[in-house]
Amino acid sequence: MIVKLKRQFWEGLFIVALGAGILVLIPSQIRVFIGLETGLPPSFLPRLVAIGLLFVGTLISIVSLFSKTQKAKTITITGSDIKRIIVAVLILFLYAFLFPIIGFLTTSIIFIGILSFLFGQRNYIKILVLMLLIPAIVWMVFQHLFSIPLPHGWLL
């Protein structure tokens, strides 16, 4: 199966899926902090971003369908590409559900390695560096700079 549509359409569809994914995952990832006495719930900003992504993504996809420019790039998506995308989405949902159980660092290290290999990275040194540096930097920024605790797991 080969599908030919404008690249802009697929980008808009991806943005819509990202916004929908955020909306689906908000209840499992954001809990109310005890003693936090603000007028807004902790899910306000992620919900606002998700709704904005849904709106913008839908707008991009609709505009791409009705645009008549000849310069728009078209992309070809084969059946193997669709399978890879579906596997990646399933892996990301698995990550979201294991994140609070196993912890941020452990889960991120494992899943960055899996996704890097899935999408074609075969340089094991680069994969190892990505697996160690990205979660460590994100953890330090959230834990120490923003004072937002991330779920602790097996290694931390």
N, C-alpha and C. Protein backbone atom coordinates (compact mmCIF):
# COMPACT_ATOMS: atom_id res chain seq x y z
N MET A 1 0.84 -1.18 0.00
CA MET A 1 0.00 0.00 0.00
C MET A 1 0.88 1.25 0.00
N ILE A 2 0.69 2.12 -0.94
CA ILE A 2 1.44 3.36 -1.04
C ILE A 2 0.46 4.52 -1.03
N VAL A 3 0.69 5.47 -0.13
CA VAL A 3 -0.17 6.64 0.00
C VAL A 3 0.65 7.86 -0.37
N LYS A 4 0.12 8.71 -1.26
CA LYS A 4 0.81 9.93 -1.63
C LYS A 4 -0.04 11.13 -1.24
N LEU A 5 0.44 11.88 -0.29
CA LEU A 5 -0.19 13.13 0.11
C LEU A 5 0.91 14.16 0.35
N LYS A 6 0.52 15.39 0.46
CA LYS A 6 1.50 16.43 0.71
C LYS A 6 2.11 16.26 2.10
N ARG A 7 3.37 16.61 2.18
CA ARG A 7 4.10 16.48 3.44
C ARG A 7 3.44 17.31 4.54
N GLN A 8 2.95 18.46 4.19
CA GLN A 8 2.31 19.34 5.15
C GLN A 8 1.09 18.67 5.80
N PHE A 9 0.36 17.87 5.04
CA PHE A 9 -0.79 17.15 5.58
C PHE A 9 -0.35 16.20 6.69
N TRP A 10 0.72 15.43 6.44
CA TRP A 10 1.20 14.46 7.43
C TRP A 10 1.77 15.16 8.66
N GLU A 11 2.40 16.31 8.46
CA GLU A 11 2.90 17.07 9.60
C GLU A 11 1.75 17.53 10.47
N GLY A 12 0.69 18.03 9.86
CA GLY A 12 -0.49 18.45 10.61
C GLY A 12 -1.13 17.29 11.35
N LEU A 13 -1.20 16.15 10.69
CA LEU A 13 -1.76 14.95 11.32
C LEU A 13 -0.92 14.51 12.53
N PHE A 14 0.40 14.61 12.39
CA PHE A 14 1.28 14.27 13.50
C PHE A 14 1.06 15.21 14.68
N ILE A 15 0.90 16.49 14.41
CA ILE A 15 0.67 17.47 15.48
C ILE A 15 -0.66 17.18 16.17
N VAL A 16 -1.68 16.81 15.42
CA VAL A 16 -2.97 16.44 16.01
C VAL A 16 -2.80 15.22 16.91
N ALA A 17 -2.07 14.22 16.44
CA ALA A 17 -1.85 13.01 17.24
C ALA A 17 -1.07 13.33 18.51
N LEU A 18 -0.11 14.23 18.42
CA LEU A 18 0.65 14.62 19.60
C LEU A 18 -0.24 15.31 20.63
N GLY A 19 -1.09 16.21 20.17
CA GLY A 19 -2.03 16.88 21.09
C GLY A 19 -3.00 15.90 21.71
N ALA A 20 -3.51 14.95 20.91
CA ALA A 20 -4.44 13.95 21.44
C ALA A 20 -3.73 13.05 22.46
N GLY A 21 -2.50 12.70 22.16
CA GLY A 21 -1.73 11.87 23.11
C GLY A 21 -1.52 12.57 24.43
N ILE A 22 -1.24 13.86 24.38
CA ILE A 22 -1.07 14.62 25.63
C ILE A 22 -2.38 14.64 26.41
N LEU A 23 -3.49 14.87 25.74
CA LEU A 23 -4.78 14.88 26.43
C LEU A 23 -5.10 13.53 27.07
N VAL A 24 -4.76 12.45 26.38
CA VAL A 24 -5.03 11.11 26.92
C VAL A 24 -4.15 10.81 28.13
N LEU A 25 -2.91 11.26 28.09
CA LEU A 25 -1.96 10.92 29.15
C LEU A 25 -1.99 11.85 30.36
N ILE A 26 -2.65 12.99 30.26
CA ILE A 26 -2.66 13.95 31.38
C ILE A 26 -3.16 13.33 32.69
N PRO A 27 -4.26 12.59 32.70
CA PRO A 27 -4.73 12.06 33.99
C PRO A 27 -3.73 11.10 34.65
N SER A 28 -2.96 10.34 33.87
CA SER A 28 -2.05 9.37 34.47
C SER A 28 -0.71 10.00 34.84
N GLN A 29 -0.39 11.17 34.33
CA GLN A 29 0.92 11.76 34.56
C GLN A 29 0.90 12.94 35.52
N ILE A 30 -0.24 13.60 35.70
CA ILE A 30 -0.27 14.79 36.55
C ILE A 30 -1.21 14.54 37.72
N ARG A 31 -0.65 14.65 38.87
CA ARG A 31 -1.44 14.51 40.09
C ARG A 31 -1.43 15.84 40.84
N VAL A 32 -2.42 16.05 41.67
CA VAL A 32 -2.48 17.27 42.46
C VAL A 32 -1.48 17.16 43.60
N PHE A 33 -0.68 18.20 43.78
CA PHE A 33 0.29 18.23 44.86
C PHE A 33 -0.40 18.69 46.14
N ILE A 34 -0.14 18.00 47.23
CA ILE A 34 -0.73 18.37 48.52
C ILE A 34 -0.14 19.71 48.96
N GLY A 35 -0.99 20.62 49.35
CA GLY A 35 -0.54 21.92 49.83
C GLY A 35 -0.39 22.95 48.72
N LEU A 36 -0.61 22.58 47.50
CA LEU A 36 -0.51 23.53 46.40
C LEU A 36 -1.83 24.29 46.34
N GLU A 37 -1.79 25.55 46.67
CA GLU A 37 -3.02 26.33 46.75
C GLU A 37 -3.01 27.42 45.70
N THR A 38 -3.24 27.01 44.48
CA THR A 38 -3.35 27.97 43.39
C THR A 38 -4.74 27.84 42.79
N GLY A 39 -5.09 28.80 42.00
CA GLY A 39 -6.40 28.78 41.37
C GLY A 39 -6.47 27.84 40.18
N LEU A 40 -5.32 27.47 39.64
CA LEU A 40 -5.30 26.61 38.46
C LEU A 40 -4.83 25.21 38.83
N PRO A 41 -5.44 24.20 38.24
CA PRO A 41 -4.97 22.83 38.50
C PRO A 41 -3.63 22.59 37.79
N PRO A 42 -2.84 21.61 38.22
CA PRO A 42 -1.56 21.33 37.57
C PRO A 42 -1.70 20.91 36.11
N SER A 43 -2.87 20.44 35.72
CA SER A 43 -3.06 20.00 34.33
C SER A 43 -3.44 21.13 33.39
N PHE A 44 -3.53 22.37 33.89
CA PHE A 44 -4.00 23.48 33.05
C PHE A 44 -3.08 23.72 31.86
N LEU A 45 -1.79 23.89 32.09
CA LEU A 45 -0.87 24.20 31.01
C LEU A 45 -0.74 23.05 30.01
N PRO A 46 -0.57 21.79 30.44
CA PRO A 46 -0.53 20.70 29.44
C PRO A 46 -1.83 20.60 28.64
N ARG A 47 -2.95 20.83 29.29
CA ARG A 47 -4.23 20.77 28.58
C ARG A 47 -4.34 21.90 27.56
N LEU A 48 -3.89 23.08 27.93
CA LEU A 48 -3.90 24.22 27.01
C LEU A 48 -3.00 23.96 25.81
N VAL A 49 -1.81 23.42 26.04
CA VAL A 49 -0.89 23.10 24.95
C VAL A 49 -1.49 22.02 24.05
N ALA A 50 -2.10 21.00 24.63
CA ALA A 50 -2.70 19.91 23.84
C ALA A 50 -3.83 20.43 22.95
N ILE A 51 -4.68 21.28 23.49
CA ILE A 51 -5.78 21.84 22.70
C ILE A 51 -5.22 22.72 21.59
N GLY A 52 -4.18 23.49 21.89
CA GLY A 52 -3.54 24.30 20.86
C GLY A 52 -2.95 23.45 19.75
N LEU A 53 -2.31 22.33 20.11
CA LEU A 53 -1.74 21.42 19.12
C LEU A 53 -2.83 20.80 18.26
N LEU A 54 -3.95 20.41 18.87
CA LEU A 54 -5.07 19.87 18.10
C LEU A 54 -5.58 20.88 17.08
N PHE A 55 -5.74 22.11 17.52
CA PHE A 55 -6.26 23.16 16.64
C PHE A 55 -5.30 23.46 15.50
N VAL A 56 -4.03 23.67 15.82
CA VAL A 56 -3.03 24.02 14.80
C VAL A 56 -2.82 22.87 13.83
N GLY A 57 -2.72 21.64 14.34
CA GLY A 57 -2.54 20.48 13.48
C GLY A 57 -3.69 20.28 12.51
N THR A 58 -4.91 20.45 13.01
CA THR A 58 -6.08 20.32 12.15
C THR A 58 -6.07 21.41 11.08
N LEU A 59 -5.74 22.60 11.46
CA LEU A 59 -5.68 23.71 10.51
C LEU A 59 -4.62 23.46 9.43
N ILE A 60 -3.44 22.98 9.82
CA ILE A 60 -2.38 22.69 8.85
C ILE A 60 -2.83 21.62 7.86
N SER A 61 -3.44 20.55 8.37
CA SER A 61 -3.88 19.46 7.49
C SER A 61 -4.97 19.92 6.53
N ILE A 62 -5.93 20.70 7.00
CA ILE A 62 -7.02 21.18 6.14
C ILE A 62 -6.48 22.13 5.07
N VAL A 63 -5.61 23.03 5.47
CA VAL A 63 -5.05 23.98 4.50
C VAL A 63 -4.24 23.23 3.44
N SER A 64 -3.52 22.18 3.84
CA SER A 64 -2.71 21.44 2.86
C SER A 64 -3.59 20.69 1.85
N LEU A 65 -4.76 20.26 2.26
CA LEU A 65 -5.65 19.57 1.33
C LEU A 65 -6.22 20.50 0.25
N PHE A 66 -6.43 21.76 0.62
CA PHE A 66 -7.06 22.70 -0.31
C PHE A 66 -6.07 23.62 -1.01
N SER A 67 -4.79 23.54 -0.67
CA SER A 67 -3.81 24.41 -1.33
C SER A 67 -3.54 23.88 -2.73
N LYS A 68 -3.29 24.80 -3.63
CA LYS A 68 -3.08 24.41 -5.03
C LYS A 68 -1.65 24.67 -5.48
N THR A 69 -0.74 24.81 -4.54
CA THR A 69 0.64 25.08 -4.92
C THR A 69 1.28 23.82 -5.49
N GLN A 70 2.02 23.99 -6.53
CA GLN A 70 2.69 22.87 -7.17
C GLN A 70 4.03 22.57 -6.50
N LYS A 71 4.54 23.52 -5.71
CA LYS A 71 5.85 23.34 -5.09
C LYS A 71 5.79 22.48 -3.83
N ALA A 72 4.61 22.15 -3.38
CA ALA A 72 4.49 21.37 -2.14
C ALA A 72 5.11 19.99 -2.33
N LYS A 73 5.91 19.59 -1.37
CA LYS A 73 6.56 18.29 -1.44
C LYS A 73 5.56 17.19 -1.13
N THR A 74 5.64 16.11 -1.88
CA THR A 74 4.83 14.95 -1.56
C THR A 74 5.76 13.88 -1.01
N ILE A 75 5.24 13.09 -0.12
CA ILE A 75 6.02 12.00 0.45
C ILE A 75 5.29 10.69 0.18
N THR A 76 6.04 9.65 0.14
CA THR A 76 5.47 8.34 -0.09
C THR A 76 5.61 7.52 1.18
N ILE A 77 4.53 6.98 1.65
CA ILE A 77 4.54 6.15 2.85
C ILE A 77 4.16 4.74 2.44
N THR A 78 5.04 3.81 2.71
CA THR A 78 4.79 2.41 2.36
C THR A 78 4.22 1.67 3.57
N GLY A 79 3.85 0.43 3.35
CA GLY A 79 3.30 -0.38 4.44
C GLY A 79 4.30 -0.60 5.56
N SER A 80 5.58 -0.75 5.23
CA SER A 80 6.58 -0.95 6.28
C SER A 80 6.76 0.31 7.11
N ASP A 81 6.61 1.49 6.48
CA ASP A 81 6.68 2.75 7.23
C ASP A 81 5.52 2.85 8.22
N ILE A 82 4.34 2.45 7.78
CA ILE A 82 3.17 2.50 8.65
C ILE A 82 3.34 1.55 9.83
N LYS A 83 3.88 0.36 9.57
CA LYS A 83 4.14 -0.59 10.66
C LYS A 83 5.13 -0.01 11.67
N ARG A 84 6.19 0.64 11.16
CA ARG A 84 7.19 1.24 12.05
C ARG A 84 6.57 2.35 12.90
N ILE A 85 5.71 3.14 12.30
CA ILE A 85 5.03 4.22 13.04
C ILE A 85 4.14 3.64 14.13
N ILE A 86 3.38 2.60 13.80
CA ILE A 86 2.48 1.98 14.78
C ILE A 86 3.28 1.39 15.94
N VAL A 87 4.39 0.72 15.62
CA VAL A 87 5.25 0.15 16.68
C VAL A 87 5.80 1.26 17.57
N ALA A 88 6.23 2.37 16.96
CA ALA A 88 6.76 3.49 17.74
C ALA A 88 5.70 4.08 18.67
N VAL A 89 4.48 4.22 18.18
CA VAL A 89 3.39 4.77 19.01
C VAL A 89 3.10 3.82 20.17
N LEU A 90 3.06 2.52 19.91
CA LEU A 90 2.84 1.55 20.98
C LEU A 90 3.96 1.59 22.01
N ILE A 91 5.20 1.74 21.54
CA ILE A 91 6.34 1.84 22.46
C ILE A 91 6.21 3.08 23.33
N LEU A 92 5.78 4.20 22.74
CA LEU A 92 5.63 5.43 23.52
C LEU A 92 4.51 5.31 24.56
N PHE A 93 3.41 4.62 24.22
CA PHE A 93 2.36 4.41 25.21
C PHE A 93 2.85 3.49 26.32
N LEU A 94 3.63 2.48 25.98
CA LEU A 94 4.21 1.61 27.00
C LEU A 94 5.13 2.41 27.91
N TYR A 95 5.91 3.32 27.33
CA TYR A 95 6.79 4.20 28.11
C TYR A 95 5.97 5.04 29.09
N ALA A 96 4.86 5.60 28.61
CA ALA A 96 4.04 6.46 29.46
C ALA A 96 3.46 5.69 30.64
N PHE A 97 3.14 4.42 30.46
CA PHE A 97 2.55 3.66 31.56
C PHE A 97 3.61 3.06 32.49
N LEU A 98 4.81 2.81 31.98
CA LEU A 98 5.88 2.29 32.83
C LEU A 98 6.63 3.40 33.55
N PHE A 99 6.54 4.60 33.04
CA PHE A 99 7.23 5.76 33.60
C PHE A 99 7.00 5.92 35.11
N PRO A 100 5.74 5.94 35.60
CA PRO A 100 5.54 6.12 37.05
C PRO A 100 5.93 4.88 37.86
N ILE A 101 5.97 3.71 37.24
CA ILE A 101 6.27 2.48 37.97
C ILE A 101 7.77 2.27 38.09
N ILE A 102 8.47 2.33 36.97
CA ILE A 102 9.90 2.04 36.95
C ILE A 102 10.72 3.28 37.29
N GLY A 103 10.20 4.45 36.98
CA GLY A 103 10.92 5.68 37.25
C GLY A 103 11.40 6.32 35.97
N PHE A 104 11.69 7.61 36.07
CA PHE A 104 12.06 8.38 34.89
C PHE A 104 13.37 7.92 34.27
N LEU A 105 14.43 7.87 35.06
CA LEU A 105 15.74 7.57 34.49
C LEU A 105 15.80 6.19 33.85
N THR A 106 15.38 5.18 34.57
CA THR A 106 15.45 3.81 34.05
C THR A 106 14.61 3.65 32.79
N THR A 107 13.38 4.11 32.83
CA THR A 107 12.49 3.98 31.68
C THR A 107 13.02 4.75 30.48
N SER A 108 13.51 5.96 30.70
CA SER A 108 14.00 6.78 29.59
C SER A 108 15.25 6.17 28.96
N ILE A 109 16.14 5.65 29.78
CA ILE A 109 17.35 5.02 29.24
C ILE A 109 16.99 3.85 28.34
N ILE A 110 16.10 3.01 28.80
CA ILE A 110 15.71 1.82 28.02
C ILE A 110 15.00 2.21 26.72
N PHE A 111 14.04 3.12 26.81
CA PHE A 111 13.23 3.43 25.64
C PHE A 111 13.96 4.31 24.62
N ILE A 112 14.88 5.14 25.05
CA ILE A 112 15.69 5.90 24.09
C ILE A 112 16.53 4.93 23.27
N GLY A 113 17.09 3.91 23.91
CA GLY A 113 17.86 2.90 23.19
C GLY A 113 17.00 2.14 22.19
N ILE A 114 15.81 1.73 22.62
CA ILE A 114 14.92 0.97 21.74
C ILE A 114 14.49 1.81 20.54
N LEU A 115 14.06 3.05 20.78
CA LEU A 115 13.60 3.90 19.68
C LEU A 115 14.74 4.30 18.75
N SER A 116 15.93 4.53 19.28
CA SER A 116 17.07 4.86 18.43
C SER A 116 17.38 3.71 17.48
N PHE A 117 17.37 2.51 18.01
CA PHE A 117 17.65 1.34 17.17
C PHE A 117 16.52 1.12 16.16
N LEU A 118 15.27 1.32 16.60
CA LEU A 118 14.12 1.14 15.71
C LEU A 118 14.17 2.06 14.51
N PHE A 119 14.63 3.30 14.74
CA PHE A 119 14.66 4.28 13.65
C PHE A 119 15.99 4.35 12.93
N GLY A 120 16.81 3.31 13.07
CA GLY A 120 17.95 3.16 12.18
C GLY A 120 19.32 3.51 12.72
N GLN A 121 19.44 3.95 13.93
CA GLN A 121 20.76 4.25 14.47
C GLN A 121 21.48 2.95 14.77
N ARG A 122 22.63 2.75 14.17
CA ARG A 122 23.38 1.52 14.38
C ARG A 122 24.75 1.76 15.02
N ASN A 123 25.05 3.02 15.30
CA ASN A 123 26.30 3.34 15.99
C ASN A 123 26.03 3.21 17.49
N TYR A 124 26.54 2.13 18.07
CA TYR A 124 26.22 1.82 19.46
C TYR A 124 26.80 2.83 20.44
N ILE A 125 27.87 3.48 20.08
CA ILE A 125 28.45 4.51 20.96
C ILE A 125 27.50 5.71 21.02
N LYS A 126 26.96 6.12 19.86
CA LYS A 126 26.00 7.23 19.84
C LYS A 126 24.74 6.87 20.63
N ILE A 127 24.27 5.65 20.46
CA ILE A 127 23.07 5.22 21.19
C ILE A 127 23.34 5.26 22.69
N LEU A 128 24.48 4.77 23.11
CA LEU A 128 24.83 4.76 24.54
C LEU A 128 24.93 6.17 25.10
N VAL A 129 25.56 7.07 24.35
CA VAL A 129 25.67 8.46 24.79
C VAL A 129 24.29 9.09 24.91
N LEU A 130 23.43 8.86 23.90
CA LEU A 130 22.06 9.40 23.96
C LEU A 130 21.30 8.83 25.15
N MET A 131 21.45 7.52 25.36
CA MET A 131 20.72 6.86 26.44
C MET A 131 21.12 7.39 27.81
N LEU A 132 22.35 7.80 27.97
CA LEU A 132 22.82 8.27 29.27
C LEU A 132 22.69 9.78 29.45
N LEU A 133 23.03 10.55 28.43
CA LEU A 133 23.04 12.00 28.59
C LEU A 133 21.66 12.64 28.60
N ILE A 134 20.80 12.27 27.68
CA ILE A 134 19.50 12.95 27.58
C ILE A 134 18.67 12.79 28.85
N PRO A 135 18.47 11.57 29.37
CA PRO A 135 17.71 11.47 30.62
C PRO A 135 18.38 12.16 31.80
N ALA A 136 19.70 12.12 31.86
CA ALA A 136 20.40 12.77 32.98
C ALA A 136 20.22 14.28 32.93
N ILE A 137 20.33 14.86 31.75
CA ILE A 137 20.17 16.32 31.61
C ILE A 137 18.73 16.73 31.92
N VAL A 138 17.76 16.00 31.37
CA VAL A 138 16.35 16.32 31.64
C VAL A 138 16.05 16.18 33.12
N TRP A 139 16.56 15.11 33.75
CA TRP A 139 16.33 14.91 35.18
C TRP A 139 16.92 16.05 36.00
N MET A 140 18.15 16.48 35.67
CA MET A 140 18.78 17.57 36.42
C MET A 140 18.00 18.88 36.26
N VAL A 141 17.54 19.15 35.04
CA VAL A 141 16.79 20.39 34.81
C VAL A 141 15.50 20.38 35.62
N PHE A 142 14.73 19.30 35.54
CA PHE A 142 13.46 19.26 36.27
C PHE A 142 13.67 19.18 37.78
N GLN A 143 14.56 18.31 38.22
CA GLN A 143 14.74 18.07 39.65
C GLN A 143 15.40 19.26 40.35
N HIS A 144 16.44 19.82 39.75
CA HIS A 144 17.22 20.84 40.44
C HIS A 144 16.88 22.27 40.02
N LEU A 145 16.64 22.49 38.74
CA LEU A 145 16.36 23.84 38.28
C LEU A 145 14.91 24.24 38.53
N PHE A 146 13.97 23.35 38.14
CA PHE A 146 12.55 23.66 38.31
C PHE A 146 11.96 23.16 39.62
N SER A 147 12.70 22.35 40.36
CA SER A 147 12.23 21.73 41.61
C SER A 147 10.96 20.92 41.40
N ILE A 148 10.90 20.20 40.30
CA ILE A 148 9.77 19.33 40.00
C ILE A 148 10.26 17.90 40.14
N PRO A 149 9.76 17.17 41.13
CA PRO A 149 10.24 15.80 41.29
C PRO A 149 9.70 14.88 40.20
N LEU A 150 10.58 14.09 39.63
CA LEU A 150 10.20 13.08 38.65
C LEU A 150 10.12 11.74 39.38
N PRO A 151 9.32 10.81 38.87
CA PRO A 151 9.19 9.52 39.56
C PRO A 151 10.52 8.81 39.70
N HIS A 152 10.80 8.34 40.93
CA HIS A 152 12.02 7.59 41.19
C HIS A 152 11.73 6.12 40.92
N GLY A 153 12.73 5.43 40.50
CA GLY A 153 12.53 4.03 40.16
C GLY A 153 13.64 3.14 40.70
N TRP A 154 13.99 2.17 39.90
CA TRP A 154 14.93 1.15 40.31
C TRP A 154 16.34 1.68 40.53
N LEU A 155 16.79 2.62 39.68
CA LEU A 155 18.16 3.10 39.78
C LEU A 155 18.30 4.37 40.58
N LEU A 156 17.22 5.06 40.84
CA LEU A 156 17.32 6.33 41.57
C LEU A 156 16.11 6.50 42.47
